[in-house]
Each structure stands twice: as C-alpha cells, then as structure tokens.
Amino acid sequence: MAHATAKKLIALEGATFSMKERHLMMSGSDEVIDIPVPTFLVEHAKGLVLFDTG
C-alpha cells in the first residue's frame, strides 16, 4: 500500500478566545488573556483539508 504525503502545510491566522487566567490555571490572576486557536490548511494530492482545532 502506497502512502501519500502532504505537498504543503499552511498555518493560518485562526481565531482567539479570551478568558481570565485563573480559569485556565491554578493560582492564575483575574487578568484576561488571549489564547490562539491553531488552524492549518493541508494541500494533498487528493485535495485540501482544513484543520481547525477550535
């Protein structure tokens, strides 16, 4: 069985979400932080695939 590999991996500017630091980690502050949501476009011989981890 032949395995195909991606031709190109493109990191896209995805969304961000904001939350208080204390909701993410113990001993966090009330400071609101922005957390990026990684998004990638993969170019493959059979077409394009979008991975949106949000």
PDB file of N, CA and C in Angstrom:
ATOM      1  N   MET A   1       0.840  -1.181   0.000  1.00  0.00           N
ATOM      2  CA  MET A   1       0.000   0.000   0.000  1.00  0.00           C
ATOM      3  C   MET A   1       0.886   1.245   0.000  1.00  0.00           C
ATOM      4  N   ALA A   2       0.702   2.098  -0.966  1.00  0.00           N
ATOM      5  CA  ALA A   2       1.492   3.324  -1.063  1.00  0.00           C
ATOM      6  C   ALA A   2       0.946   4.379  -0.108  1.00  0.00           C
ATOM      7  N   HIS A   3       1.834   5.120   0.486  1.00  0.00           N
ATOM      8  CA  HIS A   3       1.448   6.208   1.387  1.00  0.00           C
ATOM      9  C   HIS A   3       1.710   7.538   0.698  1.00  0.00           C
ATOM     10  N   ALA A   4       0.741   8.400   0.719  1.00  0.00           N
ATOM     11  CA  ALA A   4       0.894   9.731   0.145  1.00  0.00           C
ATOM     12  C   ALA A   4       1.247  10.715   1.255  1.00  0.00           C
ATOM     13  N   THR A   5       1.985  11.713   0.893  1.00  0.00           N
ATOM     14  CA  THR A   5       2.337  12.749   1.856  1.00  0.00           C
ATOM     15  C   THR A   5       1.760  14.085   1.401  1.00  0.00           C
ATOM     16  N   ALA A   6       1.630  14.976   2.346  1.00  0.00           N
ATOM     17  CA  ALA A   6       1.107  16.303   2.037  1.00  0.00           C
ATOM     18  C   ALA A   6       2.133  17.064   1.209  1.00  0.00           C
ATOM     19  N   LYS A   7       1.633  17.872   0.281  1.00  0.00           N
ATOM     20  CA  LYS A   7       2.510  18.716  -0.529  1.00  0.00           C
ATOM     21  C   LYS A   7       2.902  19.971   0.243  1.00  0.00           C
ATOM     22  N   LYS A   8       1.947  20.491   1.028  1.00  0.00           N
ATOM     23  CA  LYS A   8       2.188  21.752   1.707  1.00  0.00           C
ATOM     24  C   LYS A   8       1.329  21.835   2.970  1.00  0.00           C
ATOM     25  N   LEU A   9       1.883  22.412   4.014  1.00  0.00           N
ATOM     26  CA  LEU A   9       1.153  22.677   5.252  1.00  0.00           C
ATOM     27  C   LEU A   9       1.213  24.180   5.490  1.00  0.00           C
ATOM     28  N   ILE A  10       0.059  24.816   5.582  1.00  0.00           N
ATOM     29  CA  ILE A  10      -0.013  26.255   5.732  1.00  0.00           C
ATOM     30  C   ILE A  10      -0.674  26.581   7.064  1.00  0.00           C
ATOM     31  N   ALA A  11       0.030  27.312   7.915  1.00  0.00           N
ATOM     32  CA  ALA A  11      -0.538  27.772   9.184  1.00  0.00           C
ATOM     33  C   ALA A  11      -1.347  29.032   8.898  1.00  0.00           C
ATOM     34  N   LEU A  12      -2.607  29.034   9.279  1.00  0.00           N
ATOM     35  CA  LEU A  12      -3.489  30.167   9.045  1.00  0.00           C
ATOM     36  C   LEU A  12      -3.692  30.958  10.325  1.00  0.00           C
ATOM     37  N   GLU A  13      -4.002  32.225  10.157  1.00  0.00           N
ATOM     38  CA  GLU A  13      -4.353  33.031  11.325  1.00  0.00           C
ATOM     39  C   GLU A  13      -5.764  32.639  11.734  1.00  0.00           C
ATOM     40  N   GLY A  14      -5.860  31.927  12.820  1.00  0.00           N
ATOM     41  CA  GLY A  14      -7.161  31.458  13.292  1.00  0.00           C
ATOM     42  C   GLY A  14      -7.765  32.413  14.303  1.00  0.00           C
ATOM     43  N   ALA A  15      -8.781  31.954  14.920  1.00  0.00           N
ATOM     44  CA  ALA A  15      -9.483  32.754  15.926  1.00  0.00           C
ATOM     45  C   ALA A  15      -8.689  32.778  17.230  1.00  0.00           C
ATOM     46  N   THR A  16      -9.113  33.614  18.141  1.00  0.00           N
ATOM     47  CA  THR A  16      -8.598  33.614  19.503  1.00  0.00           C
ATOM     48  C   THR A  16      -9.793  33.665  20.446  1.00  0.00           C
ATOM     49  N   PHE A  17      -9.610  33.169  21.626  1.00  0.00           N
ATOM     50  CA  PHE A  17     -10.641  33.359  22.636  1.00  0.00           C
ATOM     51  C   PHE A  17      -9.991  33.933  23.877  1.00  0.00           C
ATOM     52  N   SER A  18     -10.778  34.660  24.631  1.00  0.00           N
ATOM     53  CA  SER A  18     -10.268  35.365  25.802  1.00  0.00           C
ATOM     54  C   SER A  18     -10.910  34.804  27.062  1.00  0.00           C
ATOM     55  N   MET A  19     -10.088  34.701  28.098  1.00  0.00           N
ATOM     56  CA  MET A  19     -10.598  34.233  29.381  1.00  0.00           C
ATOM     57  C   MET A  19      -9.686  34.720  30.491  1.00  0.00           C
ATOM     58  N   LYS A  20     -10.206  34.712  31.693  1.00  0.00           N
ATOM     59  CA  LYS A  20      -9.386  35.080  32.844  1.00  0.00           C
ATOM     60  C   LYS A  20      -8.349  33.978  33.062  1.00  0.00           C
ATOM     61  N   GLU A  21      -7.154  34.420  33.384  1.00  0.00           N
ATOM     62  CA  GLU A  21      -6.058  33.485  33.590  1.00  0.00           C
ATOM     63  C   GLU A  21      -6.403  32.439  34.657  1.00  0.00           C
ATOM     64  N   ARG A  22      -7.141  32.842  35.683  1.00  0.00           N
ATOM     65  CA  ARG A  22      -7.469  31.914  36.777  1.00  0.00           C
ATOM     66  C   ARG A  22      -8.395  30.781  36.339  1.00  0.00           C
ATOM     67  N   HIS A  23      -9.091  30.956  35.201  1.00  0.00           N
ATOM     68  CA  HIS A  23      -9.937  29.880  34.695  1.00  0.00           C
ATOM     69  C   HIS A  23      -9.134  28.833  33.927  1.00  0.00           C
ATOM     70  N   LEU A  24      -7.892  29.162  33.635  1.00  0.00           N
ATOM     71  CA  LEU A  24      -7.039  28.265  32.867  1.00  0.00           C
ATOM     72  C   LEU A  24      -6.035  27.524  33.743  1.00  0.00           C
ATOM     73  N   MET A  25      -5.586  28.175  34.831  1.00  0.00           N
ATOM     74  CA  MET A  25      -4.568  27.546  35.668  1.00  0.00           C
ATOM     75  C   MET A  25      -4.769  27.916  37.136  1.00  0.00           C
ATOM     76  N   MET A  26      -4.349  27.013  37.989  1.00  0.00           N
ATOM     77  CA  MET A  26      -4.422  27.283  39.419  1.00  0.00           C
ATOM     78  C   MET A  26      -3.523  28.458  39.754  1.00  0.00           C
ATOM     79  N   SER A  27      -3.901  29.256  40.690  1.00  0.00           N
ATOM     80  CA  SER A  27      -3.151  30.436  41.133  1.00  0.00           C
ATOM     81  C   SER A  27      -3.048  31.505  40.053  1.00  0.00           C
ATOM     82  N   GLY A  28      -3.890  31.413  39.010  1.00  0.00           N
ATOM     83  CA  GLY A  28      -3.900  32.436  37.970  1.00  0.00           C
ATOM     84  C   GLY A  28      -4.572  33.705  38.475  1.00  0.00           C
ATOM     85  N   SER A  29      -4.333  34.789  37.777  1.00  0.00           N
ATOM     86  CA  SER A  29      -4.875  36.085  38.170  1.00  0.00           C
ATOM     87  C   SER A  29      -6.212  36.338  37.465  1.00  0.00           C
ATOM     88  N   ASP A  30      -6.783  37.494  37.742  1.00  0.00           N
ATOM     89  CA  ASP A  30      -8.016  37.910  37.066  1.00  0.00           C
ATOM     90  C   ASP A  30      -7.722  38.590  35.732  1.00  0.00           C
ATOM     91  N   GLU A  31      -6.449  38.632  35.345  1.00  0.00           N
ATOM     92  CA  GLU A  31      -6.071  39.229  34.060  1.00  0.00           C
ATOM     93  C   GLU A  31      -6.698  38.425  32.920  1.00  0.00           C
ATOM     94  N   VAL A  32      -7.266  39.112  31.947  1.00  0.00           N
ATOM     95  CA  VAL A  32      -7.845  38.452  30.777  1.00  0.00           C
ATOM     96  C   VAL A  32      -6.727  38.211  29.772  1.00  0.00           C
ATOM     97  N   ILE A  33      -6.601  36.968  29.332  1.00  0.00           N
ATOM     98  CA  ILE A  33      -5.563  36.618  28.362  1.00  0.00           C
ATOM     99  C   ILE A  33      -6.215  36.107  27.081  1.00  0.00           C
ATOM    100  N   ASP A  34      -5.538  36.295  25.964  1.00  0.00           N
ATOM    101  CA  ASP A  34      -5.999  35.814  24.667  1.00  0.00           C
ATOM    102  C   ASP A  34      -5.281  34.511  24.350  1.00  0.00           C
ATOM    103  N   ILE A  35      -6.047  33.519  23.919  1.00  0.00           N
ATOM    104  CA  ILE A  35      -5.491  32.209  23.607  1.00  0.00           C
ATOM    105  C   ILE A  35      -5.745  31.931  22.127  1.00  0.00           C
ATOM    106  N   PRO A  36      -4.669  31.702  21.350  1.00  0.00           N
ATOM    107  CA  PRO A  36      -4.854  31.440  19.925  1.00  0.00           C
ATOM    108  C   PRO A  36      -5.435  30.045  19.680  1.00  0.00           C
ATOM    109  N   VAL A  37      -6.190  29.927  18.593  1.00  0.00           N
ATOM    110  CA  VAL A  37      -6.753  28.647  18.177  1.00  0.00           C
ATOM    111  C   VAL A  37      -6.041  28.256  16.879  1.00  0.00           C
ATOM    112  N   PRO A  38      -5.152  27.265  16.922  1.00  0.00           N
ATOM    113  CA  PRO A  38      -4.402  26.891  15.729  1.00  0.00           C
ATOM    114  C   PRO A  38      -5.311  26.387  14.601  1.00  0.00           C
ATOM    115  N   THR A  39      -5.008  26.832  13.393  1.00  0.00           N
ATOM    116  CA  THR A  39      -5.751  26.422  12.206  1.00  0.00           C
ATOM    117  C   THR A  39      -4.736  26.168  11.093  1.00  0.00           C
ATOM    118  N   PHE A  40      -4.900  25.045  10.397  1.00  0.00           N
ATOM    119  CA  PHE A  40      -3.951  24.674   9.350  1.00  0.00           C
ATOM    120  C   PHE A  40      -4.685  24.232   8.097  1.00  0.00           C
ATOM    121  N   LEU A  41      -4.103  24.544   6.954  1.00  0.00           N
ATOM    122  CA  LEU A  41      -4.594  24.072   5.671  1.00  0.00           C
ATOM    123  C   LEU A  41      -3.541  23.128   5.107  1.00  0.00           C
ATOM    124  N   VAL A  42      -3.961  21.925   4.760  1.00  0.00           N
ATOM    125  CA  VAL A  42      -3.055  20.919   4.217  1.00  0.00           C
ATOM    126  C   VAL A  42      -3.382  20.728   2.743  1.00  0.00           C
ATOM    127  N   GLU A  43      -2.357  20.881   1.914  1.00  0.00           N
ATOM    128  CA  GLU A  43      -2.526  20.615   0.489  1.00  0.00           C
ATOM    129  C   GLU A  43      -2.029  19.201   0.224  1.00  0.00           C
ATOM    130  N   HIS A  44      -2.917  18.380  -0.313  1.00  0.00           N
ATOM    131  CA  HIS A  44      -2.640  16.966  -0.555  1.00  0.00           C
ATOM    132  C   HIS A  44      -2.957  16.666  -2.011  1.00  0.00           C
ATOM    133  N   ALA A  45      -2.418  15.610  -2.529  1.00  0.00           N
ATOM    134  CA  ALA A  45      -2.671  15.237  -3.922  1.00  0.00           C
ATOM    135  C   ALA A  45      -4.162  15.040  -4.204  1.00  0.00           C
ATOM    136  N   LYS A  46      -4.918  14.637  -3.185  1.00  0.00           N
ATOM    137  CA  LYS A  46      -6.357  14.399  -3.370  1.00  0.00           C
ATOM    138  C   LYS A  46      -7.207  15.626  -3.061  1.00  0.00           C
ATOM    139  N   GLY A  47      -6.579  16.728  -2.650  1.00  0.00           N
ATOM    140  CA  GLY A  47      -7.343  17.943  -2.367  1.00  0.00           C
ATOM    141  C   GLY A  47      -6.858  18.655  -1.127  1.00  0.00           C
ATOM    142  N   LEU A  48      -7.675  19.584  -0.661  1.00  0.00           N
ATOM    143  CA  LEU A  48      -7.334  20.392   0.504  1.00  0.00           C
ATOM    144  C   LEU A  48      -8.077  19.894   1.741  1.00  0.00           C
ATOM    145  N   VAL A  49      -7.413  19.995   2.890  1.00  0.00           N
ATOM    146  CA  VAL A  49      -8.015  19.620   4.166  1.00  0.00           C
ATOM    147  C   VAL A  49      -7.774  20.771   5.128  1.00  0.00           C
ATOM    148  N   LEU A  50      -8.826  21.192   5.809  1.00  0.00           N
ATOM    149  CA  LEU A  50      -8.727  22.266   6.794  1.00  0.00           C
ATOM    150  C   LEU A  50      -8.821  21.659   8.191  1.00  0.00           C
ATOM    151  N   PHE A  51      -7.814  21.929   9.026  1.00  0.00           N
ATOM    152  CA  PHE A  51      -7.843  21.514  10.423  1.00  0.00           C
ATOM    153  C   PHE A  51      -8.030  22.752  11.279  1.00  0.00           C
ATOM    154  N   ASP A  52      -9.182  22.869  11.872  1.00  0.00           N
ATOM    155  CA  ASP A  52      -9.498  23.985  12.768  1.00  0.00           C
ATOM    156  C   ASP A  52      -9.679  23.385  14.146  1.00  0.00           C
ATOM    157  N   THR A  53      -8.722  23.607  15.042  1.00  0.00           N
ATOM    158  CA  THR A  53      -8.735  22.946  16.345  1.00  0.00           C
ATOM    159  C   THR A  53      -9.673  23.611  17.352  1.00  0.00           C
ATOM    160  N   GLY A  54     -10.357  24.675  16.925  1.00  0.00           N
ATOM    161  CA  GLY A  54     -11.261  25.374  17.837  1.00  0.00           C
ATOM    162  C   GLY A  54     -12.560  24.672  17.902  1.00  0.00           C
TER     163      GLY A  54
END
